[in-house]
Amino acid sequence: MKKVLFVMDLQEDTTGTTASKGPFPIREHQQLIDAVNERIEAYKAAGDEIAYIAIALPNKWFFRKVVGIAIKGTPGCSIDRRIKIVGNHYFEKMKPSAFANKNLVRWIKDNEVTHVEITGIDAAQCCAATAEEAVKLGLEAVINRKATATTVPHKLPKVNAKLTQLGVKFMD
């Protein structure tokens, strides 16, 4: 079994200390960063792969004015500087699921990945969409509860129930 850790959407504009609109309203950011860094170290020690996934919206007027975060080419689009970077597997996305990036799908297939552990934000949105797509691609998907957070905690029970029915696993 070849494993990969997904570090999702932990960027300067979402969790960083210099977020242009302030960091996302999630639980203690440093706890989340520490939990993700712990998983990165574990994967590194085991010789498993780590992939960094980032929201990267077009640098166009609408996205700059209306969305205002994670704009491609801006400092806020970069990975949160507190996240440990191991390797160079970096993939950008514009949709909730990381698998919207066809280069990531190709990389997963080329490297015969069978297991994906998902960390980062948002557990009820992007992480959930990625886990669902992973299962559709025939991968074992695990969401790490300790290393994920959400801006919409009221949605998690329903989202997690759906993911469980699909075969997604959870770990603490």
Protein backbone atom coordinates (compact mmCIF):
# COMPACT_ATOMS: atom_id res chain seq x y z
CA MET A 1 0.00 0.00 0.00
CA LYS A 2 1.43 3.38 -1.03
CA LYS A 3 0.30 6.24 1.16
CA VAL A 4 0.09 9.98 0.67
CA LEU A 5 -0.74 12.74 3.12
CA PHE A 6 -2.78 15.61 1.72
CA VAL A 7 -2.15 18.97 3.40
CA MET A 8 -5.14 20.97 2.20
CA ASP A 9 -5.67 24.71 1.92
CA LEU A 10 -3.41 25.75 4.79
CA GLN A 11 -2.33 28.99 3.20
CA GLU A 12 -1.31 32.44 4.35
CA ASP A 13 -4.80 33.78 3.49
CA THR A 14 -6.66 30.98 5.29
CA THR A 15 -4.69 30.18 8.44
CA GLY A 16 -1.63 32.39 8.20
CA THR A 17 -0.70 35.11 10.64
CA THR A 18 -0.65 37.64 7.79
CA ALA A 19 -4.05 36.77 6.26
CA SER A 20 -5.32 39.76 4.31
CA LYS A 21 -8.90 39.33 5.60
CA GLY A 22 -7.91 37.65 8.84
CA PRO A 23 -7.58 33.89 9.21
CA PHE A 24 -10.60 31.63 8.77
CA PRO A 25 -12.80 31.42 11.88
CA ILE A 26 -11.75 27.94 12.96
CA ARG A 27 -10.51 26.49 16.23
CA GLU A 28 -7.08 27.41 17.49
CA HIS A 29 -4.93 27.78 14.41
CA GLN A 30 -1.66 26.82 16.08
CA GLN A 31 -3.18 23.53 17.35
CA LEU A 32 -4.21 22.69 13.80
CA ILE A 33 -0.79 23.62 12.38
CA ASP A 34 0.95 21.54 15.07
CA ALA A 35 -1.28 18.50 14.38
CA VAL A 36 -0.64 18.73 10.63
CA ASN A 37 3.12 19.15 11.14
CA GLU A 38 3.07 16.07 13.38
CA ARG A 39 1.51 14.04 10.54
CA ILE A 40 4.03 15.47 8.05
CA GLU A 41 6.88 14.29 10.28
CA ALA A 42 5.29 10.83 10.62
CA TYR A 43 4.91 10.46 6.85
CA LYS A 44 8.45 11.71 6.28
CA ALA A 45 9.83 9.22 8.83
CA ALA A 46 7.91 6.36 7.18
CA GLY A 47 9.12 7.32 3.70
CA ASP A 48 5.58 8.05 2.51
CA GLU A 49 4.56 10.88 0.21
CA ILE A 50 3.20 14.31 1.18
CA ALA A 51 1.20 16.48 -1.21
CA TYR A 52 0.38 20.12 -0.56
CA ILE A 53 -2.93 21.27 -2.02
CA ALA A 54 -3.75 24.98 -2.35
CA ILE A 55 -6.72 27.03 -3.44
CA ALA A 56 -5.45 29.26 -6.25
CA LEU A 57 -8.09 31.55 -7.69
CA PRO A 58 -7.48 33.56 -10.87
CA ASN A 59 -5.90 36.97 -10.39
CA LYS A 60 -8.87 38.73 -11.97
CA TRP A 61 -10.99 41.64 -10.79
CA PHE A 62 -13.96 39.51 -9.64
CA PHE A 63 -11.87 37.17 -7.49
CA ARG A 64 -9.73 40.01 -6.08
CA LYS A 65 -12.75 42.17 -5.14
CA VAL A 66 -15.41 39.59 -4.26
CA VAL A 67 -13.45 36.65 -2.85
CA GLY A 68 -10.28 38.47 -1.89
CA ILE A 69 -8.26 35.46 -0.70
CA ALA A 70 -6.01 32.79 -2.21
CA ILE A 71 -5.44 34.79 -5.37
CA LYS A 72 -2.82 33.18 -7.61
CA GLY A 73 0.47 35.05 -7.56
CA THR A 74 -0.17 36.82 -4.23
CA PRO A 75 1.61 36.12 -0.93
CA GLY A 76 -1.69 34.93 0.57
CA CYS A 77 -1.87 32.05 -1.90
CA SER A 78 1.33 30.49 -0.57
CA ILE A 79 1.39 27.69 2.00
CA ASP A 80 1.16 28.93 5.60
CA ARG A 81 4.79 29.57 6.59
CA ARG A 82 4.37 27.49 9.78
CA ILE A 83 3.69 24.31 7.77
CA LYS A 84 6.70 22.05 7.31
CA ILE A 85 7.50 21.55 3.65
CA VAL A 86 8.84 18.11 2.73
CA GLY A 87 9.38 17.42 -0.95
CA ASN A 88 7.93 19.33 -3.85
CA HIS A 89 4.50 17.80 -4.48
CA TYR A 90 2.36 20.94 -4.78
CA PHE A 91 -1.00 21.07 -6.55
CA GLU A 92 -3.38 23.98 -7.03
CA LYS A 93 -7.15 23.81 -7.32
CA MET A 94 -10.09 26.10 -7.99
CA LYS A 95 -12.82 23.68 -6.89
CA PRO A 96 -13.42 22.05 -3.50
CA SER A 97 -11.97 18.63 -4.38
CA ALA A 98 -8.21 18.37 -4.75
CA PHE A 99 -8.91 15.86 -7.52
CA ALA A 100 -10.20 18.67 -9.72
CA ASN A 101 -6.51 19.07 -10.57
CA LYS A 102 -5.86 16.51 -13.29
CA ASN A 103 -2.10 16.63 -12.63
CA LEU A 104 -2.80 15.37 -9.11
CA VAL A 105 -4.95 12.53 -10.46
CA ARG A 106 -2.15 11.58 -12.87
CA TRP A 107 0.47 11.77 -10.09
CA ILE A 108 -1.68 9.51 -7.85
CA LYS A 109 -1.99 6.94 -10.65
CA ASP A 110 1.65 7.16 -11.75
CA ASN A 111 2.81 6.61 -8.17
CA GLU A 112 0.34 3.78 -7.53
CA VAL A 113 -1.10 5.49 -4.45
CA THR A 114 -3.74 3.42 -2.66
CA HIS A 115 -4.25 5.36 0.59
CA VAL A 116 -4.90 9.08 1.17
CA GLU A 117 -4.92 10.73 4.59
CA ILE A 118 -6.52 14.16 4.50
CA THR A 119 -5.53 17.05 6.77
CA GLY A 120 -6.18 20.79 6.65
CA ILE A 121 -9.32 22.80 6.03
CA ASP A 122 -12.25 22.78 5.57
CA ALA A 123 -13.30 19.41 7.03
CA ALA A 124 -16.95 19.89 6.02
CA GLN A 125 -16.20 21.23 2.57
CA CYS A 126 -12.91 20.80 0.65
CA CYS A 127 -11.59 17.92 2.77
CA ALA A 128 -14.95 16.15 2.52
CA ALA A 129 -15.19 16.67 -1.26
CA THR A 130 -11.64 15.35 -1.66
CA ALA A 131 -12.37 12.27 0.47
CA GLU A 132 -15.50 11.53 -1.55
CA GLU A 133 -13.59 11.79 -4.83
CA ALA A 134 -10.77 9.65 -3.46
CA VAL A 135 -13.22 6.82 -2.78
CA LYS A 136 -14.68 7.21 -6.29
CA LEU A 137 -11.14 6.81 -7.64
CA GLY A 138 -10.76 3.55 -5.71
CA LEU A 139 -8.52 4.94 -2.98
CA GLU A 140 -8.79 4.33 0.73
CA ALA A 141 -9.58 7.75 2.22
CA VAL A 142 -9.01 8.73 5.84
CA ILE A 143 -9.84 12.11 7.36
CA ASN A 144 -7.69 12.97 10.34
CA ARG A 145 -10.03 14.73 12.80
CA LYS A 146 -7.19 16.05 14.94
CA ALA A 147 -5.51 17.61 11.88
CA THR A 148 -8.59 19.13 10.21
CA ALA A 149 -10.86 22.04 11.10
CA THR A 150 -14.01 23.62 9.74
CA THR A 151 -15.71 27.00 9.55
CA VAL A 152 -19.12 25.29 9.59
CA PRO A 153 -19.10 22.84 12.53
CA HIS A 154 -22.90 22.47 12.43
CA LYS A 155 -22.56 20.70 9.04
CA LEU A 156 -20.00 18.12 10.16
CA PRO A 157 -22.36 15.44 11.57
CA LYS A 158 -24.35 15.19 8.33
CA VAL A 159 -21.24 15.41 6.12
CA ASN A 160 -19.39 12.79 8.17
CA ALA A 161 -22.38 10.43 8.12
CA LYS A 162 -22.48 10.64 4.31
CA LEU A 163 -18.72 10.07 4.06
CA THR A 164 -18.92 7.07 6.40
CA GLN A 165 -21.60 5.53 4.16
CA LEU A 166 -19.27 5.99 1.19
CA GLY A 167 -16.47 4.18 3.01
CA VAL A 168 -14.36 7.10 4.19
CA LYS A 169 -12.62 6.36 7.48
CA PHE A 170 -11.82 8.75 10.31
CA MET A 171 -8.93 8.88 12.74
CA ASP A 172 -8.20 11.05 15.77
